[in-house]
């Protein structure tokens, strides 16, 4: 989004993100269990117009479900599916200042 939508330089984005990943954010491998749970979430909740969950959203939710971790998102359909799966949601503000429930 920073590069494609907002037009930021890819190298500048990497320069800002890499230190966060190295010092504060953990990167976890995607396991078969994550993928299977993500596929089940996609099959259960995806709808093109009412619940437009991307494959990436579903994979993240699958990983959170497998690891019993919470998810931080500003995306309402993702938050809705997470709640339905019993995954704790940290609601982030959208650019309009609203937060998903």
C-alpha atoms as a PDB file:
ATOM      1  CA  UNK A   1       0.000   0.000   0.000  1.00  0.00           C
ATOM      2  CA  UNK A   2       2.791   2.418   0.831  1.00  0.00           C
ATOM      3  CA  UNK A   3       4.422   1.851  -2.544  1.00  0.00           C
ATOM      4  CA  UNK A   4       1.466   1.050  -4.797  1.00  0.00           C
ATOM      5  CA  UNK A   5      -1.174   3.401  -3.384  1.00  0.00           C
ATOM      6  CA  UNK A   6       0.770   6.181  -1.707  1.00  0.00           C
ATOM      7  CA  UNK A   7       3.699   6.275  -4.133  1.00  0.00           C
ATOM      8  CA  UNK A   8       6.528   5.909  -1.623  1.00  0.00           C
ATOM      9  CA  UNK A   9       9.931   4.724  -2.803  1.00  0.00           C
ATOM     10  CA  UNK A  10      10.298   0.936  -2.219  1.00  0.00           C
ATOM     11  CA  UNK A  11      13.827   1.339  -0.833  1.00  0.00           C
ATOM     12  CA  UNK A  12      12.627   3.951   1.675  1.00  0.00           C
ATOM     13  CA  UNK A  13       9.798   1.670   2.789  1.00  0.00           C
ATOM     14  CA  UNK A  14      12.248  -1.218   3.276  1.00  0.00           C
ATOM     15  CA  UNK A  15      14.600   1.064   5.216  1.00  0.00           C
ATOM     16  CA  UNK A  16      11.758   1.905   7.607  1.00  0.00           C
ATOM     17  CA  UNK A  17      10.350  -1.614   7.967  1.00  0.00           C
ATOM     18  CA  UNK A  18      13.499  -3.744   8.243  1.00  0.00           C
ATOM     19  CA  UNK A  19      14.565  -2.284  11.620  1.00  0.00           C
ATOM     20  CA  UNK A  20      11.069  -2.947  13.018  1.00  0.00           C
ATOM     21  CA  UNK A  21      11.203  -6.563  11.926  1.00  0.00           C
ATOM     22  CA  UNK A  22      14.720  -6.991  13.274  1.00  0.00           C
ATOM     23  CA  UNK A  23      14.017  -5.461  16.690  1.00  0.00           C
ATOM     24  CA  UNK A  24      10.298  -5.519  17.480  1.00  0.00           C
ATOM     25  CA  UNK A  25       8.262  -7.713  15.164  1.00  0.00           C
ATOM     26  CA  UNK A  26       8.752 -11.423  14.946  1.00  0.00           C
ATOM     27  CA  UNK A  27       8.494 -13.170  11.604  1.00  0.00           C
ATOM     28  CA  UNK A  28       6.993 -16.624  11.812  1.00  0.00           C
ATOM     29  CA  UNK A  29       7.109 -19.306   9.143  1.00  0.00           C
ATOM     30  CA  UNK A  30       3.836 -20.374   7.565  1.00  0.00           C
ATOM     31  CA  UNK A  31       3.093 -23.944   8.540  1.00  0.00           C
ATOM     32  CA  UNK A  32       0.803 -26.480   6.958  1.00  0.00           C
ATOM     33  CA  UNK A  33      -1.518 -26.086   9.968  1.00  0.00           C
ATOM     34  CA  UNK A  34      -1.674 -22.314   9.352  1.00  0.00           C
ATOM     35  CA  UNK A  35      -2.525 -22.887   5.693  1.00  0.00           C
ATOM     36  CA  UNK A  36      -5.185 -25.484   6.454  1.00  0.00           C
ATOM     37  CA  UNK A  37      -6.872 -23.298   9.047  1.00  0.00           C
ATOM     38  CA  UNK A  38      -6.648 -20.292   6.722  1.00  0.00           C
ATOM     39  CA  UNK A  39      -8.298 -22.316   3.960  1.00  0.00           C
ATOM     40  CA  UNK A  40     -11.076 -23.373   6.337  1.00  0.00           C
ATOM     41  CA  UNK A  41     -11.640 -19.737   7.363  1.00  0.00           C
ATOM     42  CA  UNK A  42     -11.751 -18.678   3.702  1.00  0.00           C
ATOM     43  CA  UNK A  43     -14.260 -21.411   2.876  1.00  0.00           C
ATOM     44  CA  UNK A  44     -16.407 -20.562   5.885  1.00  0.00           C
ATOM     45  CA  UNK A  45     -16.510 -16.754   5.709  1.00  0.00           C
ATOM     46  CA  UNK A  46     -15.449 -15.387   2.315  1.00  0.00           C
ATOM     47  CA  UNK A  47     -18.081 -13.624   0.236  1.00  0.00           C
ATOM     48  CA  UNK A  48     -17.151 -11.334  -2.634  1.00  0.00           C
ATOM     49  CA  UNK A  49     -19.409  -8.443  -1.576  1.00  0.00           C
ATOM     50  CA  UNK A  50     -20.223  -8.918   2.117  1.00  0.00           C
ATOM     51  CA  UNK A  51     -16.989 -10.443   3.459  1.00  0.00           C
ATOM     52  CA  UNK A  52     -14.162  -9.736   0.985  1.00  0.00           C
ATOM     53  CA  UNK A  53     -11.419 -11.573   2.873  1.00  0.00           C
ATOM     54  CA  UNK A  54      -8.201 -11.876   0.906  1.00  0.00           C
ATOM     55  CA  UNK A  55      -6.205 -15.093   0.915  1.00  0.00           C
ATOM     56  CA  UNK A  56      -3.558 -13.232   2.932  1.00  0.00           C
ATOM     57  CA  UNK A  57      -6.173 -12.193   5.524  1.00  0.00           C
ATOM     58  CA  UNK A  58      -7.270 -15.804   5.879  1.00  0.00           C
ATOM     59  CA  UNK A  59      -3.695 -17.050   6.181  1.00  0.00           C
ATOM     60  CA  UNK A  60      -2.982 -14.505   8.927  1.00  0.00           C
ATOM     61  CA  UNK A  61      -6.147 -15.549  10.757  1.00  0.00           C
ATOM     62  CA  UNK A  62      -5.218 -19.200  10.342  1.00  0.00           C
ATOM     63  CA  UNK A  63      -1.811 -18.547  11.897  1.00  0.00           C
ATOM     64  CA  UNK A  64      -3.409 -16.637  14.767  1.00  0.00           C
ATOM     65  CA  UNK A  65      -5.881 -19.446  15.334  1.00  0.00           C
ATOM     66  CA  UNK A  66      -3.204 -22.134  15.346  1.00  0.00           C
ATOM     67  CA  UNK A  67      -0.955 -20.130  17.700  1.00  0.00           C
ATOM     68  CA  UNK A  68      -3.816 -18.739  19.815  1.00  0.00           C
ATOM     69  CA  UNK A  69      -2.506 -15.259  19.028  1.00  0.00           C
ATOM     70  CA  UNK A  70      -4.383 -12.014  18.574  1.00  0.00           C
ATOM     71  CA  UNK A  71      -4.596 -10.052  15.333  1.00  0.00           C
ATOM     72  CA  UNK A  72      -4.284  -6.288  14.849  1.00  0.00           C
ATOM     73  CA  UNK A  73      -6.349  -4.928  11.966  1.00  0.00           C
ATOM     74  CA  UNK A  74      -8.344  -1.968  10.708  1.00  0.00           C
ATOM     75  CA  UNK A  75     -10.182  -4.232   8.243  1.00  0.00           C
ATOM     76  CA  UNK A  76     -13.811  -4.827   9.263  1.00  0.00           C
ATOM     77  CA  UNK A  77     -14.333  -8.159   7.416  1.00  0.00           C
ATOM     78  CA  UNK A  78     -11.090  -9.518   8.870  1.00  0.00           C
ATOM     79  CA  UNK A  79     -12.082  -8.418  12.390  1.00  0.00           C
ATOM     80  CA  UNK A  80     -15.531  -9.962  11.926  1.00  0.00           C
ATOM     81  CA  UNK A  81     -14.095 -13.331  10.838  1.00  0.00           C
ATOM     82  CA  UNK A  82     -11.541 -13.232  13.668  1.00  0.00           C
ATOM     83  CA  UNK A  83     -14.280 -12.665  16.253  1.00  0.00           C
ATOM     84  CA  UNK A  84     -16.303 -15.531  14.766  1.00  0.00           C
ATOM     85  CA  UNK A  85     -13.260 -17.803  15.137  1.00  0.00           C
ATOM     86  CA  UNK A  86     -12.615 -16.715  18.735  1.00  0.00           C
ATOM     87  CA  UNK A  87      -9.452 -14.811  17.797  1.00  0.00           C
ATOM     88  CA  UNK A  88      -8.829 -11.690  19.870  1.00  0.00           C
ATOM     89  CA  UNK A  89      -8.774  -8.507  17.782  1.00  0.00           C
ATOM     90  CA  UNK A  90      -6.747  -5.378  18.422  1.00  0.00           C
ATOM     91  CA  UNK A  91      -8.773  -2.803  16.494  1.00  0.00           C
ATOM     92  CA  UNK A  92      -6.638  -0.298  14.622  1.00  0.00           C
ATOM     93  CA  UNK A  93      -8.078   2.995  13.370  1.00  0.00           C
ATOM     94  CA  UNK A  94      -8.865   3.418   9.681  1.00  0.00           C
ATOM     95  CA  UNK A  95      -7.834   6.615   7.899  1.00  0.00           C
ATOM     96  CA  UNK A  96     -11.340   7.905   8.750  1.00  0.00           C
ATOM     97  CA  UNK A  97     -10.607   7.280  12.447  1.00  0.00           C
ATOM     98  CA  UNK A  98     -13.091   4.442  12.907  1.00  0.00           C
ATOM     99  CA  UNK A  99     -12.175   1.048  14.290  1.00  0.00           C
ATOM    100  CA  UNK A 100     -13.646  -2.337  13.336  1.00  0.00           C
ATOM    101  CA  UNK A 101     -15.685  -4.109  15.954  1.00  0.00           C
END
